[in-house]
Amino acid sequence: MSEQHTYRVIVRGTWDGLTDEARARLVAEAADHGLTSMRFTEEGTLTYEPSPLKHFSMRYVVVSDAADGEEMAGALAEERAETTLRELELGHTGLRSTVTDLDTMKINFKPASRR
């Protein structure tokens, strides 16, 4: 069995071809999809600004084989985003992702201050 890594993936895109109904729904639900909802989850969280209703992002946690790398994690997250947006009947274009491998991320600890 190969080693599994945990990735945080941000998928960004642009709203495109939204129906009037979808646009109204997004504006009405905007408070649930603002800065306070930004979390990395397996199901993904959708965030956007209601005015202007132009761009959005979705945040995912993806667990995948380390051998497949960040590109595969990004592709999996984009596929999840595509499925979710299609199910919600939200028109979009230009999905692209940014991936961070949490298992290889370097953390710089600041030394404790001396008193």
PDB file of N, CA and C in Angstrom:
ATOM      1  N   MET A   1       0.843  -1.184   0.000  1.00  0.00           N
ATOM      2  CA  MET A   1       0.000   0.000   0.000  1.00  0.00           C
ATOM      3  C   MET A   1       0.882   1.238   0.000  1.00  0.00           C
ATOM      4  N   SER A   2       0.556   2.193  -0.827  1.00  0.00           N
ATOM      5  CA  SER A   2       1.398   3.384  -0.904  1.00  0.00           C
ATOM      6  C   SER A   2       1.007   4.393   0.170  1.00  0.00           C
ATOM      7  N   GLU A   3       1.912   5.292   0.396  1.00  0.00           N
ATOM      8  CA  GLU A   3       1.732   6.321   1.409  1.00  0.00           C
ATOM      9  C   GLU A   3       0.662   7.324   0.973  1.00  0.00           C
ATOM     10  N   GLN A   4      -0.183   7.731   1.908  1.00  0.00           N
ATOM     11  CA  GLN A   4      -1.229   8.710   1.655  1.00  0.00           C
ATOM     12  C   GLN A   4      -0.792  10.075   2.166  1.00  0.00           C
ATOM     13  N   HIS A   5      -1.082  11.109   1.418  1.00  0.00           N
ATOM     14  CA  HIS A   5      -0.820  12.484   1.847  1.00  0.00           C
ATOM     15  C   HIS A   5      -2.145  13.232   1.901  1.00  0.00           C
ATOM     16  N   THR A   6      -2.176  14.237   2.733  1.00  0.00           N
ATOM     17  CA  THR A   6      -3.353  15.092   2.858  1.00  0.00           C
ATOM     18  C   THR A   6      -3.037  16.429   2.191  1.00  0.00           C
ATOM     19  N   TYR A   7      -3.928  16.844   1.307  1.00  0.00           N
ATOM     20  CA  TYR A   7      -3.744  18.070   0.544  1.00  0.00           C
ATOM     21  C   TYR A   7      -4.877  19.037   0.855  1.00  0.00           C
ATOM     22  N   ARG A   8      -4.554  20.302   0.908  1.00  0.00           N
ATOM     23  CA  ARG A   8      -5.562  21.359   0.942  1.00  0.00           C
ATOM     24  C   ARG A   8      -5.578  21.973  -0.447  1.00  0.00           C
ATOM     25  N   VAL A   9      -6.769  22.018  -1.033  1.00  0.00           N
ATOM     26  CA  VAL A   9      -6.895  22.488  -2.409  1.00  0.00           C
ATOM     27  C   VAL A   9      -7.920  23.609  -2.476  1.00  0.00           C
ATOM     28  N   ILE A  10      -7.541  24.712  -3.101  1.00  0.00           N
ATOM     29  CA  ILE A  10      -8.467  25.801  -3.381  1.00  0.00           C
ATOM     30  C   ILE A  10      -8.753  25.768  -4.878  1.00  0.00           C
ATOM     31  N   VAL A  11     -10.018  25.591  -5.214  1.00  0.00           N
ATOM     32  CA  VAL A  11     -10.455  25.604  -6.612  1.00  0.00           C
ATOM     33  C   VAL A  11     -11.137  26.940  -6.845  1.00  0.00           C
ATOM     34  N   ARG A  12     -10.656  27.677  -7.833  1.00  0.00           N
ATOM     35  CA  ARG A  12     -11.230  28.980  -8.160  1.00  0.00           C
ATOM     36  C   ARG A  12     -11.885  28.915  -9.537  1.00  0.00           C
ATOM     37  N   GLY A  13     -12.892  29.757  -9.716  1.00  0.00           N
ATOM     38  CA  GLY A  13     -13.565  29.812 -11.005  1.00  0.00           C
ATOM     39  C   GLY A  13     -14.358  31.095 -11.149  1.00  0.00           C
ATOM     40  N   THR A  14     -15.024  31.219 -12.273  1.00  0.00           N
ATOM     41  CA  THR A  14     -15.828  32.392 -12.600  1.00  0.00           C
ATOM     42  C   THR A  14     -17.244  31.929 -12.903  1.00  0.00           C
ATOM     43  N   TRP A  15     -18.222  32.646 -12.342  1.00  0.00           N
ATOM     44  CA  TRP A  15     -19.608  32.337 -12.679  1.00  0.00           C
ATOM     45  C   TRP A  15     -19.822  32.625 -14.159  1.00  0.00           C
ATOM     46  N   ASP A  16     -20.589  31.779 -14.823  1.00  0.00           N
ATOM     47  CA  ASP A  16     -20.828  31.951 -16.254  1.00  0.00           C
ATOM     48  C   ASP A  16     -22.170  31.326 -16.616  1.00  0.00           C
ATOM     49  N   GLY A  17     -22.980  32.075 -17.328  1.00  0.00           N
ATOM     50  CA  GLY A  17     -24.257  31.534 -17.794  1.00  0.00           C
ATOM     51  C   GLY A  17     -25.235  31.240 -16.673  1.00  0.00           C
ATOM     52  N   LEU A  18     -25.176  32.017 -15.587  1.00  0.00           N
ATOM     53  CA  LEU A  18     -26.116  31.801 -14.494  1.00  0.00           C
ATOM     54  C   LEU A  18     -27.525  32.201 -14.927  1.00  0.00           C
ATOM     55  N   THR A  19     -28.491  31.385 -14.557  1.00  0.00           N
ATOM     56  CA  THR A  19     -29.881  31.753 -14.804  1.00  0.00           C
ATOM     57  C   THR A  19     -30.268  32.843 -13.807  1.00  0.00           C
ATOM     58  N   ASP A  20     -31.338  33.543 -14.078  1.00  0.00           N
ATOM     59  CA  ASP A  20     -31.826  34.562 -13.146  1.00  0.00           C
ATOM     60  C   ASP A  20     -32.135  33.932 -11.792  1.00  0.00           C
ATOM     61  N   GLU A  21     -32.687  32.721 -11.813  1.00  0.00           N
ATOM     62  CA  GLU A  21     -33.015  32.014 -10.571  1.00  0.00           C
ATOM     63  C   GLU A  21     -31.748  31.672  -9.785  1.00  0.00           C
ATOM     64  N   ALA A  22     -30.733  31.168 -10.470  1.00  0.00           N
ATOM     65  CA  ALA A  22     -29.476  30.821  -9.804  1.00  0.00           C
ATOM     66  C   ALA A  22     -28.801  32.068  -9.246  1.00  0.00           C
ATOM     67  N   ARG A  23     -28.816  33.133 -10.008  1.00  0.00           N
ATOM     68  CA  ARG A  23     -28.226  34.404  -9.555  1.00  0.00           C
ATOM     69  C   ARG A  23     -28.935  34.901  -8.291  1.00  0.00           C
ATOM     70  N   ALA A  24     -30.255  34.874  -8.291  1.00  0.00           N
ATOM     71  CA  ALA A  24     -31.036  35.317  -7.130  1.00  0.00           C
ATOM     72  C   ALA A  24     -30.755  34.433  -5.912  1.00  0.00           C
ATOM     73  N   ARG A  25     -30.637  33.138  -6.140  1.00  0.00           N
ATOM     74  CA  ARG A  25     -30.344  32.201  -5.042  1.00  0.00           C
ATOM     75  C   ARG A  25     -28.972  32.483  -4.449  1.00  0.00           C
ATOM     76  N   LEU A  26     -27.962  32.708  -5.302  1.00  0.00           N
ATOM     77  CA  LEU A  26     -26.613  33.007  -4.813  1.00  0.00           C
ATOM     78  C   LEU A  26     -26.586  34.292  -3.991  1.00  0.00           C
ATOM     79  N   VAL A  27     -27.269  35.314  -4.471  1.00  0.00           N
ATOM     80  CA  VAL A  27     -27.314  36.581  -3.736  1.00  0.00           C
ATOM     81  C   VAL A  27     -28.010  36.379  -2.390  1.00  0.00           C
ATOM     82  N   ALA A  28     -29.121  35.638  -2.382  1.00  0.00           N
ATOM     83  CA  ALA A  28     -29.875  35.401  -1.147  1.00  0.00           C
ATOM     84  C   ALA A  28     -29.072  34.584  -0.132  1.00  0.00           C
ATOM     85  N   GLU A  29     -28.221  33.673  -0.610  1.00  0.00           N
ATOM     86  CA  GLU A  29     -27.458  32.794   0.274  1.00  0.00           C
ATOM     87  C   GLU A  29     -26.046  33.298   0.535  1.00  0.00           C
ATOM     88  N   ALA A  30     -25.729  34.494   0.078  1.00  0.00           N
ATOM     89  CA  ALA A  30     -24.359  35.009   0.167  1.00  0.00           C
ATOM     90  C   ALA A  30     -23.824  35.052   1.589  1.00  0.00           C
ATOM     91  N   ALA A  31     -24.656  35.357   2.566  1.00  0.00           N
ATOM     92  CA  ALA A  31     -24.200  35.432   3.959  1.00  0.00           C
ATOM     93  C   ALA A  31     -23.669  34.085   4.448  1.00  0.00           C
ATOM     94  N   ASP A  32     -24.172  32.992   3.881  1.00  0.00           N
ATOM     95  CA  ASP A  32     -23.719  31.650   4.263  1.00  0.00           C
ATOM     96  C   ASP A  32     -22.439  31.240   3.540  1.00  0.00           C
ATOM     97  N   HIS A  33     -21.999  32.061   2.584  1.00  0.00           N
ATOM     98  CA  HIS A  33     -20.840  31.704   1.764  1.00  0.00           C
ATOM     99  C   HIS A  33     -19.775  32.793   1.754  1.00  0.00           C
ATOM    100  N   GLY A  34     -19.659  33.512   2.850  1.00  0.00           N
ATOM    101  CA  GLY A  34     -18.684  34.594   2.947  1.00  0.00           C
ATOM    102  C   GLY A  34     -17.404  34.145   3.632  1.00  0.00           C
ATOM    103  N   LEU A  35     -16.650  35.098   4.114  1.00  0.00           N
ATOM    104  CA  LEU A  35     -15.351  34.833   4.731  1.00  0.00           C
ATOM    105  C   LEU A  35     -15.433  33.875   5.905  1.00  0.00           C
ATOM    106  N   THR A  36     -16.503  33.931   6.679  1.00  0.00           N
ATOM    107  CA  THR A  36     -16.598  33.069   7.860  1.00  0.00           C
ATOM    108  C   THR A  36     -16.843  31.606   7.517  1.00  0.00           C
ATOM    109  N   SER A  37     -17.200  31.318   6.289  1.00  0.00           N
ATOM    110  CA  SER A  37     -17.449  29.926   5.897  1.00  0.00           C
ATOM    111  C   SER A  37     -16.231  29.264   5.260  1.00  0.00           C
ATOM    112  N   MET A  38     -15.112  29.958   5.199  1.00  0.00           N
ATOM    113  CA  MET A  38     -13.920  29.407   4.547  1.00  0.00           C
ATOM    114  C   MET A  38     -13.305  28.306   5.401  1.00  0.00           C
ATOM    115  N   ARG A  39     -13.596  27.071   5.026  1.00  0.00           N
ATOM    116  CA  ARG A  39     -13.041  25.911   5.709  1.00  0.00           C
ATOM    117  C   ARG A  39     -12.638  24.881   4.655  1.00  0.00           C
ATOM    118  N   PHE A  40     -11.604  24.142   4.971  1.00  0.00           N
ATOM    119  CA  PHE A  40     -11.202  23.043   4.099  1.00  0.00           C
ATOM    120  C   PHE A  40     -11.918  21.793   4.598  1.00  0.00           C
ATOM    121  N   THR A  41     -12.772  21.224   3.741  1.00  0.00           N
ATOM    122  CA  THR A  41     -13.509  20.017   4.093  1.00  0.00           C
ATOM    123  C   THR A  41     -13.458  19.047   2.920  1.00  0.00           C
ATOM    124  N   GLU A  42     -13.788  17.793   3.203  1.00  0.00           N
ATOM    125  CA  GLU A  42     -13.810  16.791   2.151  1.00  0.00           C
ATOM    126  C   GLU A  42     -14.910  17.093   1.128  1.00  0.00           C
ATOM    127  N   GLU A  43     -16.060  17.613   1.618  1.00  0.00           N
ATOM    128  CA  GLU A  43     -17.178  17.933   0.730  1.00  0.00           C
ATOM    129  C   GLU A  43     -16.964  19.251   0.001  1.00  0.00           C
ATOM    130  N   GLY A  44     -16.101  20.100   0.553  1.00  0.00           N
ATOM    131  CA  GLY A  44     -15.828  21.399  -0.041  1.00  0.00           C
ATOM    132  C   GLY A  44     -16.736  22.479   0.513  1.00  0.00           C
ATOM    133  N   THR A  45     -16.202  23.687   0.601  1.00  0.00           N
ATOM    134  CA  THR A  45     -17.003  24.840   1.004  1.00  0.00           C
ATOM    135  C   THR A  45     -16.901  25.890  -0.095  1.00  0.00           C
ATOM    136  N   LEU A  46     -18.031  26.473  -0.406  1.00  0.00           N
ATOM    137  CA  LEU A  46     -18.148  27.468  -1.463  1.00  0.00           C
ATOM    138  C   LEU A  46     -18.118  28.853  -0.845  1.00  0.00           C
ATOM    139  N   THR A  47     -17.282  29.735  -1.382  1.00  0.00           N
ATOM    140  CA  THR A  47     -17.252  31.128  -0.933  1.00  0.00           C
ATOM    141  C   THR A  47     -17.270  32.043  -2.151  1.00  0.00           C
ATOM    142  N   TYR A  48     -17.942  33.194  -1.975  1.00  0.00           N
ATOM    143  CA  TYR A  48     -18.009  34.187  -3.060  1.00  0.00           C
ATOM    144  C   TYR A  48     -18.529  35.493  -2.489  1.00  0.00           C
ATOM    145  N   GLU A  49     -18.312  36.550  -3.229  1.00  0.00           N
ATOM    146  CA  GLU A  49     -18.844  37.871  -2.908  1.00  0.00           C
ATOM    147  C   GLU A  49     -20.097  38.075  -3.762  1.00  0.00           C
ATOM    148  N   PRO A  50     -21.188  38.574  -3.153  1.00  0.00           N
ATOM    149  CA  PRO A  50     -22.418  38.730  -3.930  1.00  0.00           C
ATOM    150  C   PRO A  50     -22.422  39.922  -4.875  1.00  0.00           C
ATOM    151  N   SER A  51     -21.553  40.870  -4.633  1.00  0.00           N
ATOM    152  CA  SER A  51     -21.544  42.050  -5.484  1.00  0.00           C
ATOM    153  C   SER A  51     -20.115  42.487  -5.755  1.00  0.00           C
ATOM    154  N   PRO A  52     -19.626  42.413  -6.932  1.00  0.00           N
ATOM    155  CA  PRO A  52     -20.319  41.834  -8.080  1.00  0.00           C
ATOM    156  C   PRO A  52     -20.223  40.313  -8.027  1.00  0.00           C
ATOM    157  N   LEU A  53     -21.232  39.642  -8.510  1.00  0.00           N
ATOM    158  CA  LEU A  53     -21.288  38.190  -8.537  1.00  0.00           C
ATOM    159  C   LEU A  53     -20.463  37.710  -9.726  1.00  0.00           C
ATOM    160  N   LYS A  54     -19.149  37.533  -9.498  1.00  0.00           N
ATOM    161  CA  LYS A  54     -18.262  37.229 -10.611  1.00  0.00           C
ATOM    162  C   LYS A  54     -17.417  35.978 -10.375  1.00  0.00           C
ATOM    163  N   HIS A  55     -16.651  35.944  -9.274  1.00  0.00           N
ATOM    164  CA  HIS A  55     -15.739  34.829  -9.004  1.00  0.00           C
ATOM    165  C   HIS A  55     -16.166  34.067  -7.757  1.00  0.00           C
ATOM    166  N   PHE A  56     -15.687  32.834  -7.653  1.00  0.00           N
ATOM    167  CA  PHE A  56     -15.955  32.018  -6.472  1.00  0.00           C
ATOM    168  C   PHE A  56     -14.735  31.146  -6.192  1.00  0.00           C
ATOM    169  N   SER A  57     -14.713  30.572  -4.992  1.00  0.00           N
ATOM    170  CA  SER A  57     -13.689  29.577  -4.669  1.00  0.00           C
ATOM    171  C   SER A  57     -14.337  28.483  -3.842  1.00  0.00           C
ATOM    172  N   MET A  58     -13.744  27.310  -3.932  1.00  0.00           N
ATOM    173  CA  MET A  58     -14.187  26.163  -3.149  1.00  0.00           C
ATOM    174  C   MET A  58     -12.943  25.560  -2.515  1.00  0.00           C
ATOM    175  N   ARG A  59     -13.067  25.199  -1.236  1.00  0.00           N
ATOM    176  CA  ARG A  59     -11.927  24.666  -0.488  1.00  0.00           C
ATOM    177  C   ARG A  59     -12.183  23.205  -0.152  1.00  0.00           C
ATOM    178  N   TYR A  60     -11.167  22.370  -0.429  1.00  0.00           N
ATOM    179  CA  TYR A  60     -11.282  20.937  -0.229  1.00  0.00           C
ATOM    180  C   TYR A  60     -10.095  20.382   0.541  1.00  0.00           C
ATOM    181  N   VAL A  61     -10.346  19.282   1.262  1.00  0.00           N
ATOM    182  CA  VAL A  61      -9.295  18.427   1.791  1.00  0.00           C
ATOM    183  C   VAL A  61      -9.343  17.171   0.931  1.00  0.00           C
ATOM    184  N   VAL A  62      -8.201  16.810   0.364  1.00  0.00           N
ATOM    185  CA  VAL A  62      -8.112  15.625  -0.489  1.00  0.00           C
ATOM    186  C   VAL A  62      -7.023  14.727   0.077  1.00  0.00           C
ATOM    187  N   VAL A  63      -7.361  13.458   0.327  1.00  0.00           N
ATOM    188  CA  VAL A  63      -6.379  12.468   0.748  1.00  0.00           C
ATOM    189  C   VAL A  63      -6.129  11.579  -0.461  1.00  0.00           C
ATOM    190  N   SER A  64      -4.858  11.499  -0.844  1.00  0.00           N
ATOM    191  CA  SER A  64      -4.509  10.805  -2.080  1.00  0.00           C
ATOM    192  C   SER A  64      -3.132  10.164  -1.938  1.00  0.00           C
ATOM    193  N   ASP A  65      -2.819   9.241  -2.829  1.00  0.00           N
ATOM    194  CA  ASP A  65      -1.498   8.624  -2.820  1.00  0.00           C
ATOM    195  C   ASP A  65      -0.434   9.680  -3.067  1.00  0.00           C
ATOM    196  N   ALA A  66       0.599   9.649  -2.245  1.00  0.00           N
ATOM    197  CA  ALA A  66       1.691  10.610  -2.388  1.00  0.00           C
ATOM    198  C   ALA A  66       2.353  10.486  -3.756  1.00  0.00           C
ATOM    199  N   ALA A  67       2.392   9.268  -4.281  1.00  0.00           N
ATOM    200  CA  ALA A  67       3.031   9.040  -5.578  1.00  0.00           C
ATOM    201  C   ALA A  67       2.293   9.765  -6.707  1.00  0.00           C
ATOM    202  N   ASP A  68       1.001   9.991  -6.530  1.00  0.00           N
ATOM    203  CA  ASP A  68       0.225  10.687  -7.553  1.00  0.00           C
ATOM    204  C   ASP A  68       0.473  12.189  -7.537  1.00  0.00           C
ATOM    205  N   GLY A  69       0.924  12.711  -6.413  1.00  0.00           N
ATOM    206  CA  GLY A  69       1.341  14.098  -6.314  1.00  0.00           C
ATOM    207  C   GLY A  69       0.225  15.120  -6.270  1.00  0.00           C
ATOM    208  N   GLU A  70       0.658  16.378  -6.254  1.00  0.00           N
ATOM    209  CA  GLU A  70      -0.246  17.513  -6.130  1.00  0.00           C
ATOM    210  C   GLU A  70      -1.162  17.666  -7.338  1.00  0.00           C
ATOM    211  N   GLU A  71      -0.676  17.315  -8.517  1.00  0.00           N
ATOM    212  CA  GLU A  71      -1.510  17.450  -9.722  1.00  0.00           C
ATOM    213  C   GLU A  71      -2.769  16.601  -9.634  1.00  0.00           C
ATOM    214  N   MET A  72      -2.627  15.387  -9.105  1.00  0.00           N
ATOM    215  CA  MET A  72      -3.789  14.502  -8.964  1.00  0.00           C
ATOM    216  C   MET A  72      -4.748  15.053  -7.915  1.00  0.00           C
ATOM    217  N   ALA A  73      -4.222  15.569  -6.810  1.00  0.00           N
ATOM    218  CA  ALA A  73      -5.079  16.153  -5.776  1.00  0.00           C
ATOM    219  C   ALA A  73      -5.870  17.323  -6.349  1.00  0.00           C
ATOM    220  N   GLY A  74      -5.219  18.158  -7.148  1.00  0.00           N
ATOM    221  CA  GLY A  74      -5.901  19.274  -7.790  1.00  0.00           C
ATOM    222  C   GLY A  74      -6.977  18.792  -8.744  1.00  0.00           C
ATOM    223  N   ALA A  75      -6.680  17.771  -9.520  1.00  0.00           N
ATOM    224  CA  ALA A  75      -7.657  17.225 -10.470  1.00  0.00           C
ATOM    225  C   ALA A  75      -8.857  16.632  -9.741  1.00  0.00           C
ATOM    226  N   LEU A  76      -8.611  15.932  -8.631  1.00  0.00           N
ATOM    227  CA  LEU A  76      -9.711  15.361  -7.861  1.00  0.00           C
ATOM    228  C   LEU A  76     -10.607  16.454  -7.285  1.00  0.00           C
ATOM    229  N   ALA A  77      -9.999  17.512  -6.759  1.00  0.00           N
ATOM    230  CA  ALA A  77     -10.781  18.618  -6.194  1.00  0.00           C
ATOM    231  C   ALA A  77     -11.576  19.328  -7.287  1.00  0.00           C
ATOM    232  N   GLU A  78     -10.978  19.539  -8.442  1.00  0.00           N
ATOM    233  CA  GLU A  78     -11.690  20.187  -9.544  1.00  0.00           C
ATOM    234  C   GLU A  78     -12.870  19.327 -10.001  1.00  0.00           C
ATOM    235  N   GLU A  79     -12.689  18.017  -9.988  1.00  0.00           N
ATOM    236  CA  GLU A  79     -13.775  17.108 -10.354  1.00  0.00           C
ATOM    237  C   GLU A  79     -14.916  17.197  -9.340  1.00  0.00           C
ATOM    238  N   ARG A  80     -14.563  17.257  -8.049  1.00  0.00           N
ATOM    239  CA  ARG A  80     -15.589  17.408  -7.006  1.00  0.00           C
ATOM    240  C   ARG A  80     -16.335  18.730  -7.184  1.00  0.00           C
ATOM    241  N   ALA A  81     -15.589  19.808  -7.457  1.00  0.00           N
ATOM    242  CA  ALA A  81     -16.207  21.123  -7.654  1.00  0.00           C
ATOM    243  C   ALA A  81     -17.149  21.090  -8.845  1.00  0.00           C
ATOM    244  N   GLU A  82     -16.700  20.513  -9.931  1.00  0.00           N
ATOM    245  CA  GLU A  82     -17.517  20.408 -11.144  1.00  0.00           C
ATOM    246  C   GLU A  82     -18.827  19.687 -10.843  1.00  0.00           C
ATOM    247  N   THR A  83     -18.745  18.574 -10.117  1.00  0.00           N
ATOM    248  CA  THR A  83     -19.937  17.796  -9.771  1.00  0.00           C
ATOM    249  C   THR A  83     -20.883  18.602  -8.895  1.00  0.00           C
ATOM    250  N   THR A  84     -20.348  19.249  -7.870  1.00  0.00           N
ATOM    251  CA  THR A  84     -21.174  20.044  -6.958  1.00  0.00           C
ATOM    252  C   THR A  84     -21.865  21.181  -7.691  1.00  0.00           C
ATOM    253  N   LEU A  85     -21.123  21.915  -8.493  1.00  0.00           N
ATOM    254  CA  LEU A  85     -21.698  23.054  -9.209  1.00  0.00           C
ATOM    255  C   LEU A  85     -22.760  22.608 -10.220  1.00  0.00           C
ATOM    256  N   ARG A  86     -22.529  21.459 -10.845  1.00  0.00           N
ATOM    257  CA  ARG A  86     -23.512  20.921 -11.791  1.00  0.00           C
ATOM    258  C   ARG A  86     -24.794  20.523 -11.042  1.00  0.00           C
ATOM    259  N   GLU A  87     -24.636  19.863  -9.876  1.00  0.00           N
ATOM    260  CA  GLU A  87     -25.799  19.460  -9.087  1.00  0.00           C
ATOM    261  C   GLU A  87     -26.600  20.669  -8.599  1.00  0.00           C
ATOM    262  N   LEU A  88     -25.899  21.763  -8.291  1.00  0.00           N
ATOM    263  CA  LEU A  88     -26.556  22.988  -7.836  1.00  0.00           C
ATOM    264  C   LEU A  88     -27.057  23.847  -8.998  1.00  0.00           C
ATOM    265  N   GLU A  89     -26.797  23.386 -10.219  1.00  0.00           N
ATOM    266  CA  GLU A  89     -27.190  24.092 -11.436  1.00  0.00           C
ATOM    267  C   GLU A  89     -26.630  25.509 -11.481  1.00  0.00           C
ATOM    268  N   LEU A  90     -25.325  25.607 -11.179  1.00  0.00           N
ATOM    269  CA  LEU A  90     -24.629  26.897 -11.185  1.00  0.00           C
ATOM    270  C   LEU A  90     -23.631  26.921 -12.330  1.00  0.00           C
ATOM    271  N   GLY A  91     -23.893  27.774 -13.325  1.00  0.00           N
ATOM    272  CA  GLY A  91     -23.002  27.891 -14.470  1.00  0.00           C
ATOM    273  C   GLY A  91     -21.671  28.497 -14.071  1.00  0.00           C
ATOM    274  N   HIS A  92     -20.603  27.970 -14.638  1.00  0.00           N
ATOM    275  CA  HIS A  92     -19.257  28.414 -14.281  1.00  0.00           C
ATOM    276  C   HIS A  92     -18.281  28.116 -15.411  1.00  0.00           C
ATOM    277  N   THR A  93     -17.092  28.688 -15.284  1.00  0.00           N
ATOM    278  CA  THR A  93     -16.036  28.445 -16.262  1.00  0.00           C
ATOM    279  C   THR A  93     -14.683  28.645 -15.586  1.00  0.00           C
ATOM    280  N   GLY A  94     -13.638  28.152 -16.228  1.00  0.00           N
ATOM    281  CA  GLY A  94     -12.264  28.439 -15.832  1.00  0.00           C
ATOM    282  C   GLY A  94     -11.826  27.895 -14.493  1.00  0.00           C
ATOM    283  N   LEU A  95     -12.199  26.659 -14.157  1.00  0.00           N
ATOM    284  CA  LEU A  95     -11.739  26.103 -12.891  1.00  0.00           C
ATOM    285  C   LEU A  95     -10.232  25.914 -12.902  1.00  0.00           C
ATOM    286  N   ARG A  96      -9.589  26.319 -11.825  1.00  0.00           N
ATOM    287  CA  ARG A  96      -8.149  26.124 -11.658  1.00  0.00           C
ATOM    288  C   ARG A  96      -7.898  25.915 -10.168  1.00  0.00           C
ATOM    289  N   SER A  97      -6.840  25.213  -9.838  1.00  0.00           N
ATOM    290  CA  SER A  97      -6.625  24.881  -8.431  1.00  0.00           C
ATOM    291  C   SER A  97      -5.221  25.221  -7.955  1.00  0.00           C
ATOM    292  N   THR A  98      -5.146  25.450  -6.641  1.00  0.00           N
ATOM    293  CA  THR A  98      -3.891  25.664  -5.942  1.00  0.00           C
ATOM    294  C   THR A  98      -3.829  24.596  -4.862  1.00  0.00           C
ATOM    295  N   VAL A  99      -2.725  23.860  -4.810  1.00  0.00           N
ATOM    296  CA  VAL A  99      -2.629  22.708  -3.919  1.00  0.00           C
ATOM    297  C   VAL A  99      -1.487  22.881  -2.931  1.00  0.00           C
ATOM    298  N   THR A 100      -1.744  22.504  -1.673  1.00  0.00           N
ATOM    299  CA  THR A 100      -0.713  22.481  -0.640  1.00  0.00           C
ATOM    300  C   THR A 100      -0.689  21.086  -0.035  1.00  0.00           C
ATOM    301  N   ASP A 101       0.479  20.452  -0.049  1.00  0.00           N
ATOM    302  CA  ASP A 101       0.657  19.137   0.559  1.00  0.00           C
ATOM    303  C   ASP A 101       0.989  19.356   2.031  1.00  0.00           C
ATOM    304  N   LEU A 102       0.061  19.010   2.913  1.00  0.00           N
ATOM    305  CA  LEU A 102       0.258  19.251   4.332  1.00  0.00           C
ATOM    306  C   LEU A 102       1.339  18.358   4.930  1.00  0.00           C
ATOM    307  N   ASP A 103       1.613  17.224   4.294  1.00  0.00           N
ATOM    308  CA  ASP A 103       2.608  16.297   4.822  1.00  0.00           C
ATOM    309  C   ASP A 103       4.041  16.698   4.491  1.00  0.00           C
ATOM    310  N   THR A 104       4.224  17.569   3.538  1.00  0.00           N
ATOM    311  CA  THR A 104       5.588  18.011   3.198  1.00  0.00           C
ATOM    312  C   THR A 104       5.800  19.491   3.498  1.00  0.00           C
ATOM    313  N   MET A 105       4.766  20.122   4.025  1.00  0.00           N
ATOM    314  CA  MET A 105       4.837  21.548   4.314  1.00  0.00           C
ATOM    315  C   MET A 105       5.838  21.802   5.436  1.00  0.00           C
ATOM    316  N   LYS A 106       6.692  22.769   5.226  1.00  0.00           N
ATOM    317  CA  LYS A 106       7.677  23.133   6.239  1.00  0.00           C
ATOM    318  C   LYS A 106       7.068  24.195   7.147  1.00  0.00           C
ATOM    319  N   ILE A 107       7.193  23.969   8.437  1.00  0.00           N
ATOM    320  CA  ILE A 107       6.677  24.924   9.411  1.00  0.00           C
ATOM    321  C   ILE A 107       7.860  25.550  10.126  1.00  0.00           C
ATOM    322  N   ASN A 108       7.932  26.862  10.057  1.00  0.00           N
ATOM    323  CA  ASN A 108       8.986  27.581  10.750  1.00  0.00           C
ATOM    324  C   ASN A 108       8.477  28.037  12.101  1.00  0.00           C
ATOM    325  N   PHE A 109       9.046  27.454  13.137  1.00  0.00           N
ATOM    326  CA  PHE A 109       8.675  27.852  14.489  1.00  0.00           C
ATOM    327  C   PHE A 109       9.558  28.986  14.929  1.00  0.00           C
ATOM    328  N   LYS A 110       8.955  29.983  15.527  1.00  0.00           N
ATOM    329  CA  LYS A 110       9.735  31.083  16.071  1.00  0.00           C
ATOM    330  C   LYS A 110      10.222  30.666  17.451  1.00  0.00           C
ATOM    331  N   PRO A 111      11.483  30.975  17.747  1.00  0.00           N
ATOM    332  CA  PRO A 111      11.975  30.606  19.072  1.00  0.00           C
ATOM    333  C   PRO A 111      11.237  31.413  20.141  1.00  0.00           C
ATOM    334  N   ALA A 112      11.072  30.788  21.286  1.00  0.00           N
ATOM    335  CA  ALA A 112      10.394  31.469  22.386  1.00  0.00           C
ATOM    336  C   ALA A 112      11.181  32.705  22.796  1.00  0.00           C
ATOM    337  N   SER A 113      10.475  33.769  23.053  1.00  0.00           N
ATOM    338  CA  SER A 113      11.176  34.997  23.450  1.00  0.00           C
ATOM    339  C   SER A 113      11.677  34.846  24.881  1.00  0.00           C
ATOM    340  N   ARG A 114      12.797  35.451  25.124  1.00  0.00           N
ATOM    341  CA  ARG A 114      13.396  35.381  26.461  1.00  0.00           C
ATOM    342  C   ARG A 114      13.041  36.647  27.211  1.00  0.00           C
ATOM    343  N   ARG A 115      12.756  36.471  28.451  1.00  0.00           N
ATOM    344  CA  ARG A 115      12.398  37.631  29.286  1.00  0.00           C
ATOM    345  C   ARG A 115      13.507  38.000  30.199  1.00  0.00           C
TER     346      ARG A 115
END
